[in-house]
Amino acid sequence: MKGRSNRGEHSKMKILYCITSSSWGGAQLHVLELCADQLARGNEVTFIVGNKGPLLDKVKQLKGVKVILLPSLVREISPTNDIKAIVELRKIIKSESPDIVHLHSSKAGVIGRLSSIGLRKKIKVIFTVHGWAFTDGVSSRLKKSLYRIVEKSVRHFTDLFICVSYYDEKIGKRDKVLDSTSNVKVIHNGSTTPSEQSINYSVHMPLRLVMIARFSPQKDQETLINAVTKLPKDSYKLTFVGDGETLQTNKELVFKYGLNHNIKFAGFKDDISDELINNDVYILSTHYEGLPISIIEAMSYGLPILATNVGGNSEMLENNINGFLFTSKDELAEKLNYLINNPETVKKMGQESYRIFSDEYSLSQCLTKINNSYLELLD
């Protein structure tokens, strides 16, 4: 492609996005938004994913994206598949000849960088860290040690690391995965700004609580369920949105405590706006995080936030200002009980959430910063 240096305002970029899994989550939403944004800017977009799922379906709806399914790109460590994925992805990169290879998720990050060895004179490689695979809170010591070693081995094949939180940058430097030669930027995730009519600061009684997250070992819906057992049954209603492997276990726990009339499982939803409009408080109980988009979305609708004090949560949540950080079920129950008895605080904290969102976490800011990073690398 001519004109790759001294790129003008109207020069086209060719960008290849790669992510391991098509199951729905914050990283997947981010990649979808990047694809749509780059198309809108008039650039060429190729999208590679390891399996079928909601993300693949949504990207296919974007007219103009070249979609490639790469079944050898699997989440689990698999020498046979991993070698095959490296070879196949390298062929695709050489064939597509993109300006930018932008990798998301730990496994795609490793496979993509190994696939790009020797090609970086023409191609710039970016890895976005949506939470390290060795971050605090990951239970498997073996997995953490292995990914720490692997990440150190591929860091020199990375033109730019984008961390979605200062916490991820700190963890990378602490564990010596990012060193003095690493090119690192922190660009917070973002979310679209709802219409003014969608933002509702009224508070219901009983207080309406909502958690939107997949049911997985990473997320910790169980702590939230145990916390609300300490609240009067007539003081709250709780909705869980999402599906996944730990859903049935949590349903059984709710049945065990006799909370079926208090707790609703709404399943997976493409559009969560109604849940954010019609509830009063957003909760994210979790073992580890990067910078969860679900909290940003909740802030954009003016909801106060209660979140486990892990990862980048404290970068969005100003304790006692737009919500509370917690570290245990007892602390969570205490904060919930306080909000139930102080509805004026619920409204005030919701207004602060929207202010923080507007200042730092709008989607347009996030996408513009990433696009500028592309241009800086290519120029």
Protein backbone atom coordinates (compact mmCIF):
# COMPACT_ATOMS: atom_id res chain seq x y z
CA MET A 1 0.00 0.00 0.00
CA LYS A 2 1.46 3.36 -1.00
CA GLY A 3 1.75 6.28 1.36
CA ARG A 4 2.14 4.36 4.61
CA SER A 5 4.54 6.98 5.96
CA ASN A 6 3.53 10.63 6.36
CA ARG A 7 -0.04 9.38 6.35
CA GLY A 8 -2.48 12.09 5.41
CA GLU A 9 -5.91 12.64 6.87
CA HIS A 10 -7.58 10.78 4.00
CA SER A 11 -5.11 7.90 3.62
CA LYS A 12 -6.62 4.49 4.23
CA MET A 13 -5.35 2.16 6.91
CA LYS A 14 -5.72 -1.59 6.77
CA ILE A 15 -6.31 -3.09 10.22
CA LEU A 16 -6.51 -6.72 11.27
CA TYR A 17 -8.23 -7.52 14.56
CA CYS A 18 -7.77 -10.89 16.25
CA ILE A 19 -9.41 -12.26 19.40
CA THR A 20 -9.61 -15.80 20.73
CA SER A 21 -13.24 -16.26 21.71
CA SER A 22 -16.52 -15.12 20.20
CA SER A 23 -18.41 -15.55 23.49
CA TRP A 24 -19.81 -12.23 24.73
CA GLY A 25 -17.95 -10.03 27.19
CA GLY A 26 -16.26 -6.67 27.60
CA ALA A 27 -13.29 -7.46 25.35
CA GLN A 28 -15.62 -8.73 22.61
CA LEU A 29 -17.78 -5.60 22.78
CA HIS A 30 -14.63 -3.48 22.55
CA VAL A 31 -13.45 -5.29 19.40
CA LEU A 32 -16.90 -4.91 17.81
CA GLU A 33 -16.81 -1.17 18.50
CA LEU A 34 -13.30 -0.89 17.04
CA CYS A 35 -14.37 -2.66 13.85
CA ALA A 36 -17.38 -0.36 13.44
CA ASP A 37 -15.34 2.76 14.18
CA GLN A 38 -12.58 1.97 11.71
CA LEU A 39 -15.12 1.20 8.99
CA ALA A 40 -16.76 4.57 9.68
CA ARG A 41 -13.36 6.25 9.28
CA GLY A 42 -13.05 4.71 5.80
CA ASN A 43 -10.42 2.12 6.68
CA GLU A 44 -10.22 -1.56 5.70
CA VAL A 45 -10.96 -4.08 8.46
CA THR A 46 -10.21 -7.80 8.73
CA PHE A 47 -11.55 -9.71 11.73
CA ILE A 48 -10.22 -13.08 12.95
CA VAL A 49 -11.74 -15.15 15.75
CA GLY A 50 -11.29 -18.71 16.99
CA ASN A 51 -14.90 -19.89 17.26
CA LYS A 52 -18.51 -19.10 16.49
CA GLY A 53 -20.62 -17.06 18.87
CA PRO A 54 -22.32 -13.70 19.50
CA LEU A 55 -19.29 -11.59 18.55
CA LEU A 56 -18.86 -13.32 15.19
CA ASP A 57 -22.57 -12.88 14.46
CA LYS A 58 -22.43 -9.17 15.26
CA VAL A 59 -19.27 -8.49 13.24
CA LYS A 60 -20.83 -10.22 10.24
CA GLN A 61 -23.59 -7.62 10.35
CA LEU A 62 -21.03 -4.85 9.76
CA LYS A 63 -20.91 -4.39 6.01
CA GLY A 64 -17.34 -4.22 4.77
CA VAL A 65 -15.51 -6.34 7.37
CA LYS A 66 -13.60 -9.35 6.06
CA VAL A 67 -14.34 -12.15 8.54
CA ILE A 68 -12.05 -15.16 9.00
CA LEU A 69 -12.83 -18.06 11.36
CA LEU A 70 -9.65 -19.72 12.69
CA PRO A 71 -10.70 -22.90 14.60
CA SER A 72 -7.11 -23.70 15.60
CA LEU A 73 -7.11 -20.55 17.77
CA VAL A 74 -8.39 -22.07 21.01
CA ARG A 75 -8.43 -20.67 24.53
CA GLU A 76 -6.82 -23.69 26.18
CA ILE A 77 -3.09 -24.37 25.84
CA SER A 78 -2.81 -27.00 23.09
CA PRO A 79 0.59 -27.48 21.41
CA THR A 80 -0.91 -29.03 18.28
CA ASN A 81 -3.56 -26.34 17.82
CA ASP A 82 -1.24 -23.55 18.88
CA ILE A 83 1.45 -24.39 16.33
CA LYS A 84 -1.23 -24.76 13.66
CA ALA A 85 -2.74 -21.38 14.65
CA ILE A 86 0.65 -19.65 14.42
CA VAL A 87 1.29 -21.05 10.93
CA GLU A 88 -2.24 -20.27 9.68
CA LEU A 89 -2.36 -16.79 11.16
CA ARG A 90 1.05 -15.95 9.74
CA LYS A 91 -0.19 -16.92 6.26
CA ILE A 92 -3.24 -14.69 6.71
CA ILE A 93 -1.14 -11.74 7.88
CA LYS A 94 1.23 -12.09 4.93
CA SER A 95 -1.69 -12.42 2.53
CA GLU A 96 -3.72 -9.51 3.95
CA SER A 97 -0.66 -7.29 4.49
CA PRO A 98 -2.33 -5.03 7.07
CA ASP A 99 -0.79 -1.85 8.42
CA ILE A 100 -1.86 -2.74 11.96
CA VAL A 101 -2.35 -6.12 13.65
CA HIS A 102 -4.36 -5.42 16.80
CA LEU A 103 -4.59 -8.38 19.19
CA HIS A 104 -7.07 -8.91 22.03
CA SER A 105 -7.16 -11.57 24.80
CA SER A 106 -4.10 -13.35 26.19
CA LYS A 107 -4.06 -16.34 23.83
CA ALA A 108 -4.61 -14.34 20.63
CA GLY A 109 -2.00 -11.90 21.93
CA VAL A 110 0.63 -14.61 22.15
CA ILE A 111 -0.30 -16.43 18.92
CA GLY A 112 -0.56 -13.15 17.01
CA ARG A 113 2.82 -11.87 18.09
CA LEU A 114 4.56 -15.15 17.31
CA SER A 115 2.86 -15.14 13.91
CA SER A 116 4.23 -11.65 13.19
CA ILE A 117 7.91 -12.36 13.85
CA GLY A 118 9.97 -11.02 10.96
CA LEU A 119 7.04 -9.05 9.50
CA ARG A 120 7.21 -5.95 11.70
CA LYS A 121 9.19 -3.82 9.26
CA LYS A 122 5.93 -3.43 7.34
CA ILE A 123 3.34 -4.24 10.02
CA LYS A 124 2.81 -2.71 13.47
CA VAL A 125 1.65 -5.09 16.20
CA ILE A 126 -0.53 -3.91 19.10
CA PHE A 127 -1.64 -5.98 22.08
CA THR A 128 -4.50 -4.69 24.23
CA VAL A 129 -4.37 -6.00 27.79
CA HIS A 130 -7.92 -6.61 29.04
CA GLY A 131 -6.48 -7.94 32.31
CA TRP A 132 -3.34 -10.12 32.41
CA ALA A 133 -3.72 -13.90 32.60
CA PHE A 134 -1.44 -13.73 35.67
CA THR A 135 -3.25 -10.88 37.43
CA ASP A 136 -4.01 -10.99 41.14
CA GLY A 137 -7.10 -13.09 41.79
CA VAL A 138 -6.44 -15.78 39.16
CA SER A 139 -6.52 -18.97 41.22
CA SER A 140 -4.17 -21.22 39.22
CA ARG A 141 -0.53 -20.62 40.20
CA LEU A 142 0.64 -22.83 37.34
CA LYS A 143 -1.35 -20.82 34.79
CA LYS A 144 -0.06 -17.54 36.21
CA SER A 145 3.57 -18.68 36.14
CA LEU A 146 3.28 -20.08 32.62
CA TYR A 147 1.63 -16.97 31.15
CA ARG A 148 4.13 -14.72 32.91
CA ILE A 149 6.99 -16.58 31.22
CA VAL A 150 5.23 -16.62 27.84
CA GLU A 151 4.38 -12.91 27.98
CA LYS A 152 8.00 -12.05 28.77
CA SER A 153 9.13 -14.11 25.78
CA VAL A 154 6.87 -12.27 23.29
CA ARG A 155 7.02 -8.71 24.64
CA HIS A 156 9.82 -7.74 22.23
CA PHE A 157 7.53 -8.55 19.29
CA THR A 158 5.07 -5.85 20.37
CA ASP A 159 5.12 -2.32 18.96
CA LEU A 160 2.54 -1.04 21.44
CA PHE A 161 0.87 -2.32 24.58
CA ILE A 162 -2.51 -0.74 25.34
CA CYS A 163 -3.59 -1.31 28.94
CA VAL A 164 -7.24 -0.61 29.68
CA SER A 165 -6.35 0.39 33.25
CA TYR A 166 -3.42 1.82 35.20
CA TYR A 167 -3.78 -1.28 37.38
CA ASP A 168 -2.89 -3.53 34.42
CA GLU A 169 0.10 -1.33 33.62
CA LYS A 170 1.24 -1.61 37.24
CA ILE A 171 0.86 -5.42 37.28
CA GLY A 172 2.78 -5.73 33.98
CA LYS A 173 5.67 -3.67 35.33
CA ARG A 174 5.61 -5.33 38.75
CA ASP A 175 5.93 -8.79 37.20
CA LYS A 176 8.55 -7.53 34.73
CA VAL A 177 6.47 -8.35 31.66
CA LEU A 178 6.60 -4.68 30.72
CA ASP A 179 10.12 -3.27 30.90
CA SER A 180 11.85 0.03 30.17
CA THR A 181 11.85 -0.72 26.42
CA SER A 182 8.11 -1.46 26.26
CA ASN A 183 5.89 1.07 24.47
CA VAL A 184 2.86 1.32 26.78
CA LYS A 185 -0.28 3.46 26.79
CA VAL A 186 -3.23 3.41 29.16
CA ILE A 187 -6.49 3.96 27.28
CA HIS A 188 -9.60 3.40 29.34
CA ASN A 189 -12.52 1.53 27.83
CA GLY A 190 -15.56 3.58 26.92
CA SER A 191 -19.30 3.30 26.37
CA THR A 192 -21.86 5.13 24.28
CA THR A 193 -23.74 8.00 25.90
CA PRO A 194 -27.45 7.23 26.41
CA SER A 195 -30.16 9.72 25.54
CA GLU A 196 -31.14 12.12 28.32
CA GLN A 197 -34.54 10.42 28.53
CA SER A 198 -32.84 7.12 29.40
CA ILE A 199 -31.15 8.45 32.53
CA ASN A 200 -33.45 8.06 35.50
CA TYR A 201 -32.32 9.10 38.97
CA SER A 202 -35.52 8.04 40.71
CA VAL A 203 -35.11 5.41 43.44
CA HIS A 204 -37.49 2.49 43.94
CA MET A 205 -38.53 0.82 47.14
CA PRO A 206 -37.76 -2.03 47.52
CA LEU A 207 -34.36 -1.06 46.12
CA ARG A 208 -33.67 -2.60 42.70
CA LEU A 209 -30.21 -4.14 42.32
CA VAL A 210 -28.66 -5.53 39.13
CA MET A 211 -25.48 -7.39 38.15
CA ILE A 212 -24.71 -7.92 34.46
CA ALA A 213 -21.96 -10.47 33.83
CA ARG A 214 -21.39 -13.90 32.42
CA PHE A 215 -21.59 -16.74 34.93
CA SER A 216 -18.01 -18.01 35.12
CA PRO A 217 -15.34 -18.82 37.73
CA GLN A 218 -13.96 -15.27 37.28
CA LYS A 219 -17.22 -13.64 38.29
CA ASP A 220 -18.47 -14.05 41.83
CA GLN A 221 -22.26 -13.93 41.85
CA GLU A 222 -22.17 -16.28 44.84
CA THR A 223 -20.76 -13.61 47.15
CA LEU A 224 -23.57 -11.24 46.15
CA ILE A 225 -26.20 -13.92 46.82
CA ASN A 226 -24.68 -14.62 50.24
CA ALA A 227 -24.59 -10.89 51.00
CA VAL A 228 -28.28 -10.25 50.30
CA THR A 229 -29.29 -13.07 52.67
CA LYS A 230 -28.35 -10.58 55.41
CA LEU A 231 -30.90 -8.01 54.15
CA PRO A 232 -34.63 -7.88 54.98
CA LYS A 233 -36.47 -9.68 52.19
CA ASP A 234 -38.87 -6.78 51.67
CA SER A 235 -36.03 -4.26 51.17
CA TYR A 236 -34.61 -5.29 47.79
CA LYS A 237 -35.06 -7.01 44.43
CA LEU A 238 -31.99 -8.39 42.62
CA THR A 239 -31.64 -9.24 38.92
CA PHE A 240 -28.79 -11.22 37.39
CA VAL A 241 -28.27 -10.76 33.63
CA GLY A 242 -26.07 -13.26 31.78
CA ASP A 243 -25.52 -16.94 31.26
CA GLY A 244 -22.59 -19.33 31.51
CA GLU A 245 -21.11 -22.34 33.21
CA THR A 246 -21.81 -21.38 36.86
CA LEU A 247 -25.42 -20.28 36.26
CA GLN A 248 -27.02 -23.50 37.54
CA THR A 249 -24.91 -23.52 40.69
CA ASN A 250 -26.06 -20.01 41.53
CA LYS A 251 -29.70 -20.85 40.81
CA GLU A 252 -29.43 -23.76 43.25
CA LEU A 253 -27.97 -21.45 45.89
CA VAL A 254 -30.88 -19.02 45.51
CA PHE A 255 -33.33 -21.91 45.87
CA LYS A 256 -31.48 -23.15 48.95
CA TYR A 257 -31.87 -19.77 50.65
CA GLY A 258 -35.52 -19.44 49.63
CA LEU A 259 -34.88 -16.22 47.70
CA ASN A 260 -36.68 -17.04 44.43
CA HIS A 261 -39.11 -14.15 44.95
CA ASN A 262 -36.25 -11.71 45.56
CA ILE A 263 -33.75 -12.80 42.93
CA LYS A 264 -34.43 -13.09 39.19
CA PHE A 265 -32.19 -14.65 36.54
CA ALA A 266 -32.91 -12.77 33.31
CA GLY A 267 -30.51 -14.74 31.06
CA PHE A 268 -28.26 -13.29 28.36
CA LYS A 269 -29.46 -10.07 26.73
CA ASP A 270 -28.13 -8.32 23.64
CA ASP A 271 -29.59 -5.02 24.80
CA ILE A 272 -29.14 -4.29 28.50
CA SER A 273 -30.42 -0.71 28.43
CA ASP A 274 -33.77 -1.60 30.05
CA GLU A 275 -31.95 -3.24 32.96
CA LEU A 276 -29.89 -0.10 33.51
CA ILE A 277 -32.88 2.23 33.16
CA ASN A 278 -35.18 0.28 35.48
CA ASN A 279 -32.76 -0.58 38.31
CA ASP A 280 -31.25 1.60 41.03
CA VAL A 281 -27.82 0.18 41.90
CA TYR A 282 -25.25 -1.72 39.82
CA ILE A 283 -23.14 -4.41 41.50
CA LEU A 284 -20.10 -6.25 40.16
CA SER A 285 -18.89 -9.01 42.44
CA THR A 286 -15.79 -10.54 40.85
CA HIS A 287 -12.46 -12.21 41.61
CA TYR A 288 -10.36 -10.22 39.11
CA GLU A 289 -10.83 -7.62 36.37
CA GLY A 290 -9.09 -5.36 33.88
CA LEU A 291 -11.43 -2.39 33.42
CA PRO A 292 -14.97 -3.80 33.17
CA ILE A 293 -17.14 -2.17 30.51
CA SER A 294 -20.24 -3.22 32.45
CA ILE A 295 -19.38 -0.67 35.17
CA ILE A 296 -18.82 2.03 32.55
CA GLU A 297 -22.21 1.25 30.98
CA ALA A 298 -23.90 1.43 34.38
CA MET A 299 -22.23 4.78 35.12
CA SER A 300 -23.44 6.12 31.77
CA TYR A 301 -27.02 5.50 32.95
CA GLY A 302 -26.40 7.28 36.25
CA LEU A 303 -26.27 4.26 38.56
CA PRO A 304 -24.22 4.13 41.76
CA ILE A 305 -21.69 1.28 41.73
CA LEU A 306 -20.77 -1.39 44.25
CA ALA A 307 -17.74 -3.37 43.09
CA THR A 308 -15.11 -5.71 44.44
CA ASN A 309 -11.86 -3.84 45.05
CA VAL A 310 -9.87 -5.60 42.30
CA GLY A 311 -8.24 -4.63 39.01
CA GLY A 312 -9.16 -1.25 37.57
CA ASN A 313 -12.46 -0.96 39.48
CA SER A 314 -11.01 1.68 41.80
CA GLU A 315 -10.11 3.85 38.77
CA MET A 316 -13.81 4.26 37.94
CA LEU A 317 -15.30 4.05 41.40
CA GLU A 318 -14.49 6.90 43.76
CA ASN A 319 -15.23 5.33 47.13
CA ASN A 320 -18.08 7.08 48.96
CA ILE A 321 -18.55 9.40 45.95
CA ASN A 322 -20.23 7.35 43.19
CA GLY A 323 -20.43 4.09 45.11
CA PHE A 324 -18.51 1.71 47.33
CA LEU A 325 -15.67 -0.75 46.93
CA PHE A 326 -15.92 -3.94 48.98
CA THR A 327 -13.72 -6.92 49.82
CA SER A 328 -16.14 -9.35 51.52
CA LYS A 329 -19.79 -10.41 51.60
CA ASP A 330 -20.21 -8.77 55.01
CA GLU A 331 -18.88 -5.44 53.72
CA LEU A 332 -21.12 -5.70 50.65
CA ALA A 333 -24.16 -6.41 52.83
CA GLU A 334 -23.30 -3.42 55.02
CA LYS A 335 -23.07 -1.07 52.01
CA LEU A 336 -26.31 -2.40 50.53
CA ASN A 337 -28.11 -1.91 53.82
CA TYR A 338 -26.83 1.66 53.99
CA LEU A 339 -28.16 2.46 50.50
CA ILE A 340 -31.52 0.85 51.28
CA ASN A 341 -31.86 3.18 54.27
CA ASN A 342 -30.52 6.26 52.46
CA PRO A 343 -32.30 6.63 49.10
CA GLU A 344 -31.09 10.23 48.74
CA THR A 345 -27.51 8.89 48.67
CA VAL A 346 -28.45 6.50 45.86
CA LYS A 347 -29.55 9.44 43.72
CA LYS A 348 -26.54 11.59 44.59
CA MET A 349 -24.07 8.78 43.86
CA GLY A 350 -25.81 8.07 40.56
CA GLN A 351 -25.33 11.67 39.50
CA GLU A 352 -21.64 11.43 40.40
CA SER A 353 -21.34 8.24 38.30
CA TYR A 354 -22.64 10.07 35.26
CA ARG A 355 -20.22 12.96 35.86
CA ILE A 356 -17.23 10.60 36.04
CA PHE A 357 -18.40 8.76 32.92
CA SER A 358 -18.77 11.99 30.95
CA ASP A 359 -15.32 13.21 31.99
CA GLU A 360 -13.32 10.09 31.15
CA TYR A 361 -15.21 7.07 29.83
CA SER A 362 -17.22 8.05 26.75
CA LEU A 363 -16.77 5.71 23.79
CA SER A 364 -15.82 8.50 21.40
CA GLN A 365 -12.85 9.46 23.59
CA CYS A 366 -11.66 5.84 23.75
CA LEU A 367 -11.92 5.20 20.01
CA THR A 368 -10.26 8.50 19.08
CA LYS A 369 -7.29 7.75 21.36
CA ILE A 370 -6.85 4.32 19.78
CA ASN A 371 -7.10 5.69 16.24
CA ASN A 372 -4.50 8.35 17.10
CA SER A 373 -2.25 5.57 18.41
CA TYR A 374 -2.50 3.80 15.04
CA LEU A 375 -1.51 6.96 13.21
CA GLU A 376 1.41 7.64 15.55
CA LEU A 377 2.78 4.13 15.01
CA LEU A 378 2.50 4.34 11.24
CA ASP A 379 3.98 7.83 11.00
